[in-house]
Amino acid sequence: MSSTSKKHRNFIAEPIRGKRVTELPGIGETLGERLSGRGYNTADKVLGQYLVMDRDRRSFERFLRKNCNANSKQVSDCYNGLDTWSKEFL
């Protein structure tokens, strides 16, 4: 895996409870607002979707593109963050 961002390292370092959606790697203020507008205002709600999709990268990519118009890098960063976090904490 390539080097990770500081945001990624911070995200995976601790439990997800109480984290804002914008704390997810790849999700900034604009995408965070879009996700919040669709009811995904916390990182654990996005994690829930990731898990419901059985951790499938393509399904998760469609979810993020549909719900916040994320680009490929944003999708990849978010997916990788959730994947790493879930391997550590679940």
PDB file of N, CA and C in Angstrom:
ATOM      1  N   MET A   1       0.847  -1.179   0.000  1.00  0.00           N
ATOM      2  CA  MET A   1       0.000   0.000   0.000  1.00  0.00           C
ATOM      3  C   MET A   1       0.890   1.238   0.000  1.00  0.00           C
ATOM      4  N   SER A   2       0.458   2.274  -0.668  1.00  0.00           N
ATOM      5  CA  SER A   2       1.221   3.506  -0.713  1.00  0.00           C
ATOM      6  C   SER A   2       1.158   4.201   0.643  1.00  0.00           C
ATOM      7  N   SER A   3       1.958   5.235   0.796  1.00  0.00           N
ATOM      8  CA  SER A   3       1.960   5.957   2.060  1.00  0.00           C
ATOM      9  C   SER A   3       0.583   6.566   2.314  1.00  0.00           C
ATOM     10  N   THR A   4       0.275   6.705   3.577  1.00  0.00           N
ATOM     11  CA  THR A   4      -1.040   7.220   3.946  1.00  0.00           C
ATOM     12  C   THR A   4      -0.940   8.660   4.416  1.00  0.00           C
ATOM     13  N   SER A   5      -2.059   9.355   4.335  1.00  0.00           N
ATOM     14  CA  SER A   5      -2.101  10.740   4.759  1.00  0.00           C
ATOM     15  C   SER A   5      -2.203  10.831   6.274  1.00  0.00           C
ATOM     16  N   LYS A   6      -1.931  12.003   6.787  1.00  0.00           N
ATOM     17  CA  LYS A   6      -2.078  12.240   8.226  1.00  0.00           C
ATOM     18  C   LYS A   6      -3.536  12.027   8.634  1.00  0.00           C
ATOM     19  N   LYS A   7      -4.462  12.447   7.793  1.00  0.00           N
ATOM     20  CA  LYS A   7      -5.885  12.269   8.085  1.00  0.00           C
ATOM     21  C   LYS A   7      -6.210  10.778   8.205  1.00  0.00           C
ATOM     22  N   HIS A   8      -5.668   9.969   7.310  1.00  0.00           N
ATOM     23  CA  HIS A   8      -5.873   8.516   7.355  1.00  0.00           C
ATOM     24  C   HIS A   8      -5.313   7.952   8.662  1.00  0.00           C
ATOM     25  N   ARG A   9      -4.093   8.319   8.985  1.00  0.00           N
ATOM     26  CA  ARG A   9      -3.464   7.812  10.214  1.00  0.00           C
ATOM     27  C   ARG A   9      -4.244   8.230  11.448  1.00  0.00           C
ATOM     28  N   ASN A  10      -4.714   9.450  11.491  1.00  0.00           N
ATOM     29  CA  ASN A  10      -5.519   9.915  12.627  1.00  0.00           C
ATOM     30  C   ASN A  10      -6.836   9.158  12.716  1.00  0.00           C
ATOM     31  N   PHE A  11      -7.458   8.919  11.569  1.00  0.00           N
ATOM     32  CA  PHE A  11      -8.746   8.236  11.542  1.00  0.00           C
ATOM     33  C   PHE A  11      -8.642   6.818  12.085  1.00  0.00           C
ATOM     34  N   ILE A  12      -7.627   6.093  11.658  1.00  0.00           N
ATOM     35  CA  ILE A  12      -7.536   4.687  12.050  1.00  0.00           C
ATOM     36  C   ILE A  12      -6.949   4.489  13.446  1.00  0.00           C
ATOM     37  N   ALA A  13      -6.511   5.556  14.088  1.00  0.00           N
ATOM     38  CA  ALA A  13      -5.834   5.444  15.380  1.00  0.00           C
ATOM     39  C   ALA A  13      -6.779   5.259  16.563  1.00  0.00           C
ATOM     40  N   GLU A  14      -8.072   5.467  16.360  1.00  0.00           N
ATOM     41  CA  GLU A  14      -8.989   5.411  17.497  1.00  0.00           C
ATOM     42  C   GLU A  14     -10.382   4.993  17.063  1.00  0.00           C
ATOM     43  N   PRO A  15     -11.236   4.658  18.021  1.00  0.00           N
ATOM     44  CA  PRO A  15     -12.613   4.261  17.685  1.00  0.00           C
ATOM     45  C   PRO A  15     -13.338   5.340  16.882  1.00  0.00           C
ATOM     46  N   ILE A  16     -14.332   4.908  16.138  1.00  0.00           N
ATOM     47  CA  ILE A  16     -15.047   5.783  15.215  1.00  0.00           C
ATOM     48  C   ILE A  16     -16.167   6.594  15.884  1.00  0.00           C
ATOM     49  N   ARG A  17     -16.648   6.116  17.013  1.00  0.00           N
ATOM     50  CA  ARG A  17     -17.787   6.742  17.682  1.00  0.00           C
ATOM     51  C   ARG A  17     -17.566   8.243  17.890  1.00  0.00           C
ATOM     52  N   GLY A  18     -18.524   9.018  17.453  1.00  0.00           N
ATOM     53  CA  GLY A  18     -18.493  10.462  17.641  1.00  0.00           C
ATOM     54  C   GLY A  18     -17.737  11.238  16.576  1.00  0.00           C
ATOM     55  N   LYS A  19     -17.135  10.556  15.623  1.00  0.00           N
ATOM     56  CA  LYS A  19     -16.389  11.267  14.583  1.00  0.00           C
ATOM     57  C   LYS A  19     -17.347  11.836  13.542  1.00  0.00           C
ATOM     58  N   ARG A  20     -17.050  13.048  13.116  1.00  0.00           N
ATOM     59  CA  ARG A  20     -17.828  13.676  12.050  1.00  0.00           C
ATOM     60  C   ARG A  20     -17.497  13.008  10.725  1.00  0.00           C
ATOM     61  N   VAL A  21     -18.409  13.099   9.785  1.00  0.00           N
ATOM     62  CA  VAL A  21     -18.198  12.512   8.467  1.00  0.00           C
ATOM     63  C   VAL A  21     -16.963  13.105   7.786  1.00  0.00           C
ATOM     64  N   THR A  22     -16.658  14.350   8.069  1.00  0.00           N
ATOM     65  CA  THR A  22     -15.493  14.998   7.458  1.00  0.00           C
ATOM     66  C   THR A  22     -14.175  14.496   8.021  1.00  0.00           C
ATOM     67  N   GLU A  23     -14.208  13.668   9.043  1.00  0.00           N
ATOM     68  CA  GLU A  23     -12.986  13.066   9.563  1.00  0.00           C
ATOM     69  C   GLU A  23     -12.594  11.810   8.784  1.00  0.00           C
ATOM     70  N   LEU A  24     -13.482  11.352   7.910  1.00  0.00           N
ATOM     71  CA  LEU A  24     -13.156  10.221   7.048  1.00  0.00           C
ATOM     72  C   LEU A  24     -12.109  10.645   6.024  1.00  0.00           C
ATOM     73  N   PRO A  25     -11.108   9.817   5.780  1.00  0.00           N
ATOM     74  CA  PRO A  25     -10.148  10.135   4.722  1.00  0.00           C
ATOM     75  C   PRO A  25     -10.882  10.316   3.388  1.00  0.00           C
ATOM     76  N   GLY A  26     -10.501  11.341   2.638  1.00  0.00           N
ATOM     77  CA  GLY A  26     -11.107  11.596   1.336  1.00  0.00           C
ATOM     78  C   GLY A  26     -12.360  12.451   1.386  1.00  0.00           C
ATOM     79  N   ILE A  27     -12.900  12.680   2.575  1.00  0.00           N
ATOM     80  CA  ILE A  27     -14.145  13.445   2.697  1.00  0.00           C
ATOM     81  C   ILE A  27     -13.850  14.794   3.346  1.00  0.00           C
ATOM     82  N   GLY A  28     -13.922  15.835   2.536  1.00  0.00           N
ATOM     83  CA  GLY A  28     -13.713  17.194   3.031  1.00  0.00           C
ATOM     84  C   GLY A  28     -15.039  17.867   3.319  1.00  0.00           C
ATOM     85  N   GLU A  29     -14.996  19.165   3.465  1.00  0.00           N
ATOM     86  CA  GLU A  29     -16.200  19.923   3.821  1.00  0.00           C
ATOM     87  C   GLU A  29     -17.308  19.809   2.777  1.00  0.00           C
ATOM     88  N   THR A  30     -16.974  19.939   1.503  1.00  0.00           N
ATOM     89  CA  THR A  30     -17.998  19.896   0.452  1.00  0.00           C
ATOM     90  C   THR A  30     -18.683  18.537   0.399  1.00  0.00           C
ATOM     91  N   LEU A  31     -17.893  17.472   0.342  1.00  0.00           N
ATOM     92  CA  LEU A  31     -18.490  16.137   0.304  1.00  0.00           C
ATOM     93  C   LEU A  31     -19.203  15.836   1.616  1.00  0.00           C
ATOM     94  N   GLY A  32     -18.642  16.308   2.713  1.00  0.00           N
ATOM     95  CA  GLY A  32     -19.272  16.120   4.014  1.00  0.00           C
ATOM     96  C   GLY A  32     -20.653  16.755   4.085  1.00  0.00           C
ATOM     97  N   GLU A  33     -20.781  17.941   3.522  1.00  0.00           N
ATOM     98  CA  GLU A  33     -22.088  18.609   3.487  1.00  0.00           C
ATOM     99  C   GLU A  33     -23.072  17.816   2.646  1.00  0.00           C
ATOM    100  N   ARG A  34     -22.612  17.309   1.525  1.00  0.00           N
ATOM    101  CA  ARG A  34     -23.492  16.515   0.663  1.00  0.00           C
ATOM    102  C   ARG A  34     -23.948  15.237   1.370  1.00  0.00           C
ATOM    103  N   LEU A  35     -23.018  14.558   2.019  1.00  0.00           N
ATOM    104  CA  LEU A  35     -23.381  13.344   2.745  1.00  0.00           C
ATOM    105  C   LEU A  35     -24.324  13.659   3.909  1.00  0.00           C
ATOM    106  N   SER A  36     -24.037  14.729   4.634  1.00  0.00           N
ATOM    107  CA  SER A  36     -24.894  15.121   5.753  1.00  0.00           C
ATOM    108  C   SER A  36     -26.307  15.427   5.277  1.00  0.00           C
ATOM    109  N   GLY A  37     -26.412  16.046   4.121  1.00  0.00           N
ATOM    110  CA  GLY A  37     -27.718  16.352   3.544  1.00  0.00           C
ATOM    111  C   GLY A  37     -28.522  15.103   3.207  1.00  0.00           C
ATOM    112  N   ARG A  38     -27.851  13.989   3.095  1.00  0.00           N
ATOM    113  CA  ARG A  38     -28.512  12.706   2.809  1.00  0.00           C
ATOM    114  C   ARG A  38     -28.598  11.823   4.054  1.00  0.00           C
ATOM    115  N   GLY A  39     -28.284  12.417   5.209  1.00  0.00           N
ATOM    116  CA  GLY A  39     -28.425  11.698   6.468  1.00  0.00           C
ATOM    117  C   GLY A  39     -27.176  11.007   6.974  1.00  0.00           C
ATOM    118  N   TYR A  40     -26.070  11.144   6.265  1.00  0.00           N
ATOM    119  CA  TYR A  40     -24.808  10.517   6.677  1.00  0.00           C
ATOM    120  C   TYR A  40     -23.900  11.577   7.294  1.00  0.00           C
ATOM    121  N   ASN A  41     -24.259  12.036   8.485  1.00  0.00           N
ATOM    122  CA  ASN A  41     -23.529  13.142   9.104  1.00  0.00           C
ATOM    123  C   ASN A  41     -22.418  12.692  10.056  1.00  0.00           C
ATOM    124  N   THR A  42     -22.313  11.388  10.300  1.00  0.00           N
ATOM    125  CA  THR A  42     -21.238  10.877  11.143  1.00  0.00           C
ATOM    126  C   THR A  42     -20.503   9.753  10.417  1.00  0.00           C
ATOM    127  N   ALA A  43     -19.253   9.578  10.805  1.00  0.00           N
ATOM    128  CA  ALA A  43     -18.419   8.559  10.160  1.00  0.00           C
ATOM    129  C   ALA A  43     -18.977   7.157  10.373  1.00  0.00           C
ATOM    130  N   ASP A  44     -19.608   6.922  11.526  1.00  0.00           N
ATOM    131  CA  ASP A  44     -20.134   5.580  11.775  1.00  0.00           C
ATOM    132  C   ASP A  44     -21.310   5.235  10.874  1.00  0.00           C
ATOM    133  N   LYS A  45     -22.047   6.226  10.411  1.00  0.00           N
ATOM    134  CA  LYS A  45     -23.132   5.955   9.461  1.00  0.00           C
ATOM    135  C   LYS A  45     -22.573   5.538   8.102  1.00  0.00           C
ATOM    136  N   VAL A  46     -21.491   6.149   7.695  1.00  0.00           N
ATOM    137  CA  VAL A  46     -20.847   5.749   6.440  1.00  0.00           C
ATOM    138  C   VAL A  46     -20.217   4.362   6.621  1.00  0.00           C
ATOM    139  N   LEU A  47     -19.626   4.111   7.776  1.00  0.00           N
ATOM    140  CA  LEU A  47     -19.100   2.777   8.077  1.00  0.00           C
ATOM    141  C   LEU A  47     -20.212   1.740   7.980  1.00  0.00           C
ATOM    142  N   GLY A  48     -21.389   2.069   8.479  1.00  0.00           N
ATOM    143  CA  GLY A  48     -22.524   1.155   8.391  1.00  0.00           C
ATOM    144  C   GLY A  48     -22.841   0.786   6.957  1.00  0.00           C
ATOM    145  N   GLN A  49     -22.828   1.764   6.068  1.00  0.00           N
ATOM    146  CA  GLN A  49     -23.078   1.479   4.656  1.00  0.00           C
ATOM    147  C   GLN A  49     -21.981   0.591   4.078  1.00  0.00           C
ATOM    148  N   TYR A  50     -20.761   0.884   4.430  1.00  0.00           N
ATOM    149  CA  TYR A  50     -19.617   0.073   3.991  1.00  0.00           C
ATOM    150  C   TYR A  50     -19.821  -1.381   4.418  1.00  0.00           C
ATOM    151  N   LEU A  51     -20.254  -1.593   5.644  1.00  0.00           N
ATOM    152  CA  LEU A  51     -20.455  -2.950   6.150  1.00  0.00           C
ATOM    153  C   LEU A  51     -21.676  -3.619   5.518  1.00  0.00           C
ATOM    154  N   VAL A  52     -22.759  -2.863   5.329  1.00  0.00           N
ATOM    155  CA  VAL A  52     -23.956  -3.413   4.678  1.00  0.00           C
ATOM    156  C   VAL A  52     -23.619  -3.868   3.265  1.00  0.00           C
ATOM    157  N   MET A  53     -22.707  -3.169   2.624  1.00  0.00           N
ATOM    158  CA  MET A  53     -22.282  -3.525   1.269  1.00  0.00           C
ATOM    159  C   MET A  53     -21.239  -4.632   1.282  1.00  0.00           C
ATOM    160  N   ASP A  54     -21.067  -5.258   2.436  1.00  0.00           N
ATOM    161  CA  ASP A  54     -20.138  -6.377   2.600  1.00  0.00           C
ATOM    162  C   ASP A  54     -18.719  -5.998   2.202  1.00  0.00           C
ATOM    163  N   ARG A  55     -18.350  -4.746   2.468  1.00  0.00           N
ATOM    164  CA  ARG A  55     -17.001  -4.235   2.222  1.00  0.00           C
ATOM    165  C   ARG A  55     -16.590  -4.283   0.752  1.00  0.00           C
ATOM    166  N   ASP A  56     -17.573  -4.303  -0.123  1.00  0.00           N
ATOM    167  CA  ASP A  56     -17.315  -4.390  -1.562  1.00  0.00           C
ATOM    168  C   ASP A  56     -16.934  -3.017  -2.123  1.00  0.00           C
ATOM    169  N   ARG A  57     -15.735  -2.937  -2.691  1.00  0.00           N
ATOM    170  CA  ARG A  57     -15.203  -1.661  -3.184  1.00  0.00           C
ATOM    171  C   ARG A  57     -16.118  -1.032  -4.241  1.00  0.00           C
ATOM    172  N   ARG A  58     -16.583  -1.807  -5.191  1.00  0.00           N
ATOM    173  CA  ARG A  58     -17.412  -1.241  -6.272  1.00  0.00           C
ATOM    174  C   ARG A  58     -18.749  -0.730  -5.756  1.00  0.00           C
ATOM    175  N   SER A  59     -19.361  -1.466  -4.867  1.00  0.00           N
ATOM    176  CA  SER A  59     -20.637  -1.012  -4.292  1.00  0.00           C
ATOM    177  C   SER A  59     -20.431   0.270  -3.494  1.00  0.00           C
ATOM    178  N   PHE A  60     -19.359   0.318  -2.720  1.00  0.00           N
ATOM    179  CA  PHE A  60     -19.077   1.509  -1.922  1.00  0.00           C
ATOM    180  C   PHE A  60     -18.766   2.700  -2.827  1.00  0.00           C
ATOM    181  N   GLU A  61     -18.052   2.439  -3.908  1.00  0.00           N
ATOM    182  CA  GLU A  61     -17.752   3.503  -4.869  1.00  0.00           C
ATOM    183  C   GLU A  61     -19.045   4.077  -5.446  1.00  0.00           C
ATOM    184  N   ARG A  62     -19.974   3.220  -5.840  1.00  0.00           N
ATOM    185  CA  ARG A  62     -21.270   3.697  -6.365  1.00  0.00           C
ATOM    186  C   ARG A  62     -22.012   4.509  -5.310  1.00  0.00           C
ATOM    187  N   PHE A  63     -21.975   4.048  -4.070  1.00  0.00           N
ATOM    188  CA  PHE A  63     -22.631   4.762  -2.971  1.00  0.00           C
ATOM    189  C   PHE A  63     -22.067   6.174  -2.826  1.00  0.00           C
ATOM    190  N   LEU A  64     -20.746   6.311  -2.775  1.00  0.00           N
ATOM    191  CA  LEU A  64     -20.155   7.643  -2.598  1.00  0.00           C
ATOM    192  C   LEU A  64     -20.362   8.530  -3.825  1.00  0.00           C
ATOM    193  N   ARG A  65     -20.263   7.954  -4.998  1.00  0.00           N
ATOM    194  CA  ARG A  65     -20.494   8.758  -6.208  1.00  0.00           C
ATOM    195  C   ARG A  65     -21.940   9.260  -6.252  1.00  0.00           C
ATOM    196  N   LYS A  66     -22.870   8.394  -5.921  1.00  0.00           N
ATOM    197  CA  LYS A  66     -24.286   8.763  -5.954  1.00  0.00           C
ATOM    198  C   LYS A  66     -24.638   9.792  -4.878  1.00  0.00           C
ATOM    199  N   ASN A  67     -24.111   9.612  -3.688  1.00  0.00           N
ATOM    200  CA  ASN A  67     -24.526  10.438  -2.562  1.00  0.00           C
ATOM    201  C   ASN A  67     -23.745  11.729  -2.366  1.00  0.00           C
ATOM    202  N   CYS A  68     -22.533  11.807  -2.925  1.00  0.00           N
ATOM    203  CA  CYS A  68     -21.793  13.060  -2.738  1.00  0.00           C
ATOM    204  C   CYS A  68     -20.921  13.439  -3.928  1.00  0.00           C
ATOM    205  N   ASN A  69     -21.028  12.671  -5.024  1.00  0.00           N
ATOM    206  CA  ASN A  69     -20.274  12.960  -6.243  1.00  0.00           C
ATOM    207  C   ASN A  69     -18.759  12.929  -6.011  1.00  0.00           C
ATOM    208  N   ALA A  70     -18.308  11.960  -5.230  1.00  0.00           N
ATOM    209  CA  ALA A  70     -16.885  11.812  -4.941  1.00  0.00           C
ATOM    210  C   ALA A  70     -16.137  11.357  -6.188  1.00  0.00           C
ATOM    211  N   ASN A  71     -14.909  11.826  -6.335  1.00  0.00           N
ATOM    212  CA  ASN A  71     -14.083  11.376  -7.451  1.00  0.00           C
ATOM    213  C   ASN A  71     -13.330  10.100  -7.058  1.00  0.00           C
ATOM    214  N   SER A  72     -12.565   9.552  -7.981  1.00  0.00           N
ATOM    215  CA  SER A  72     -11.887   8.271  -7.761  1.00  0.00           C
ATOM    216  C   SER A  72     -10.930   8.304  -6.575  1.00  0.00           C
ATOM    217  N   LYS A  73     -10.160   9.370  -6.434  1.00  0.00           N
ATOM    218  CA  LYS A  73      -9.211   9.472  -5.319  1.00  0.00           C
ATOM    219  C   LYS A  73      -9.945   9.571  -3.997  1.00  0.00           C
ATOM    220  N   GLN A  74     -10.998  10.367  -3.943  1.00  0.00           N
ATOM    221  CA  GLN A  74     -11.763  10.505  -2.711  1.00  0.00           C
ATOM    222  C   GLN A  74     -12.391   9.178  -2.305  1.00  0.00           C
ATOM    223  N   VAL A  75     -12.943   8.466  -3.282  1.00  0.00           N
ATOM    224  CA  VAL A  75     -13.528   7.150  -3.016  1.00  0.00           C
ATOM    225  C   VAL A  75     -12.454   6.208  -2.485  1.00  0.00           C
ATOM    226  N   SER A  76     -11.318   6.177  -3.147  1.00  0.00           N
ATOM    227  CA  SER A  76     -10.235   5.286  -2.749  1.00  0.00           C
ATOM    228  C   SER A  76      -9.736   5.600  -1.338  1.00  0.00           C
ATOM    229  N   ASP A  77      -9.534   6.876  -1.038  1.00  0.00           N
ATOM    230  CA  ASP A  77      -9.067   7.276   0.287  1.00  0.00           C
ATOM    231  C   ASP A  77     -10.068   6.871   1.370  1.00  0.00           C
ATOM    232  N   CYS A  78     -11.339   7.105   1.111  1.00  0.00           N
ATOM    233  CA  CYS A  78     -12.373   6.773   2.088  1.00  0.00           C
ATOM    234  C   CYS A  78     -12.479   5.260   2.270  1.00  0.00           C
ATOM    235  N   TYR A  79     -12.532   4.543   1.171  1.00  0.00           N
ATOM    236  CA  TYR A  79     -12.613   3.079   1.240  1.00  0.00           C
ATOM    237  C   TYR A  79     -11.421   2.508   2.001  1.00  0.00           C
ATOM    238  N   ASN A  80     -10.222   2.949   1.661  1.00  0.00           N
ATOM    239  CA  ASN A  80      -9.020   2.428   2.312  1.00  0.00           C
ATOM    240  C   ASN A  80      -9.005   2.735   3.803  1.00  0.00           C
ATOM    241  N   GLY A  81      -9.486   3.929   4.171  1.00  0.00           N
ATOM    242  CA  GLY A  81      -9.564   4.282   5.584  1.00  0.00           C
ATOM    243  C   GLY A  81     -10.528   3.384   6.340  1.00  0.00           C
ATOM    244  N   LEU A  82     -11.709   3.173   5.768  1.00  0.00           N
ATOM    245  CA  LEU A  82     -12.693   2.306   6.419  1.00  0.00           C
ATOM    246  C   LEU A  82     -12.224   0.860   6.450  1.00  0.00           C
ATOM    247  N   ASP A  83     -11.583   0.421   5.392  1.00  0.00           N
ATOM    248  CA  ASP A  83     -11.079  -0.949   5.333  1.00  0.00           C
ATOM    249  C   ASP A  83     -10.011  -1.176   6.410  1.00  0.00           C
ATOM    250  N   THR A  84      -9.057  -0.271   6.499  1.00  0.00           N
ATOM    251  CA  THR A  84      -8.007  -0.383   7.505  1.00  0.00           C
ATOM    252  C   THR A  84      -8.594  -0.300   8.908  1.00  0.00           C
ATOM    253  N   TRP A  85      -9.507   0.660   9.124  1.00  0.00           N
ATOM    254  CA  TRP A  85     -10.121   0.824  10.438  1.00  0.00           C
ATOM    255  C   TRP A  85     -10.875  -0.436  10.842  1.00  0.00           C
ATOM    256  N   SER A  86     -11.652  -1.003   9.924  1.00  0.00           N
ATOM    257  CA  SER A  86     -12.461  -2.168  10.268  1.00  0.00           C
ATOM    258  C   SER A  86     -11.577  -3.390  10.574  1.00  0.00           C
ATOM    259  N   LYS A  87     -10.460  -3.512   9.897  1.00  0.00           N
ATOM    260  CA  LYS A  87      -9.539  -4.623  10.190  1.00  0.00           C
ATOM    261  C   LYS A  87      -8.920  -4.465  11.569  1.00  0.00           C
ATOM    262  N   GLU A  88      -8.744  -3.233  11.997  1.00  0.00           N
ATOM    263  CA  GLU A  88      -8.140  -2.960  13.294  1.00  0.00           C
ATOM    264  C   GLU A  88      -9.139  -3.104  14.453  1.00  0.00           C
ATOM    265  N   PHE A  89     -10.370  -2.651  14.235  1.00  0.00           N
ATOM    266  CA  PHE A  89     -11.326  -2.548  15.339  1.00  0.00           C
ATOM    267  C   PHE A  89     -12.483  -3.545  15.317  1.00  0.00           C
ATOM    268  N   LEU A  90     -12.734  -4.207  14.192  1.00  0.00           N
ATOM    269  CA  LEU A  90     -13.862  -5.139  14.146  1.00  0.00           C
ATOM    270  C   LEU A  90     -13.396  -6.583  14.212  1.00  0.00           C
TER     271      LEU A  90
END
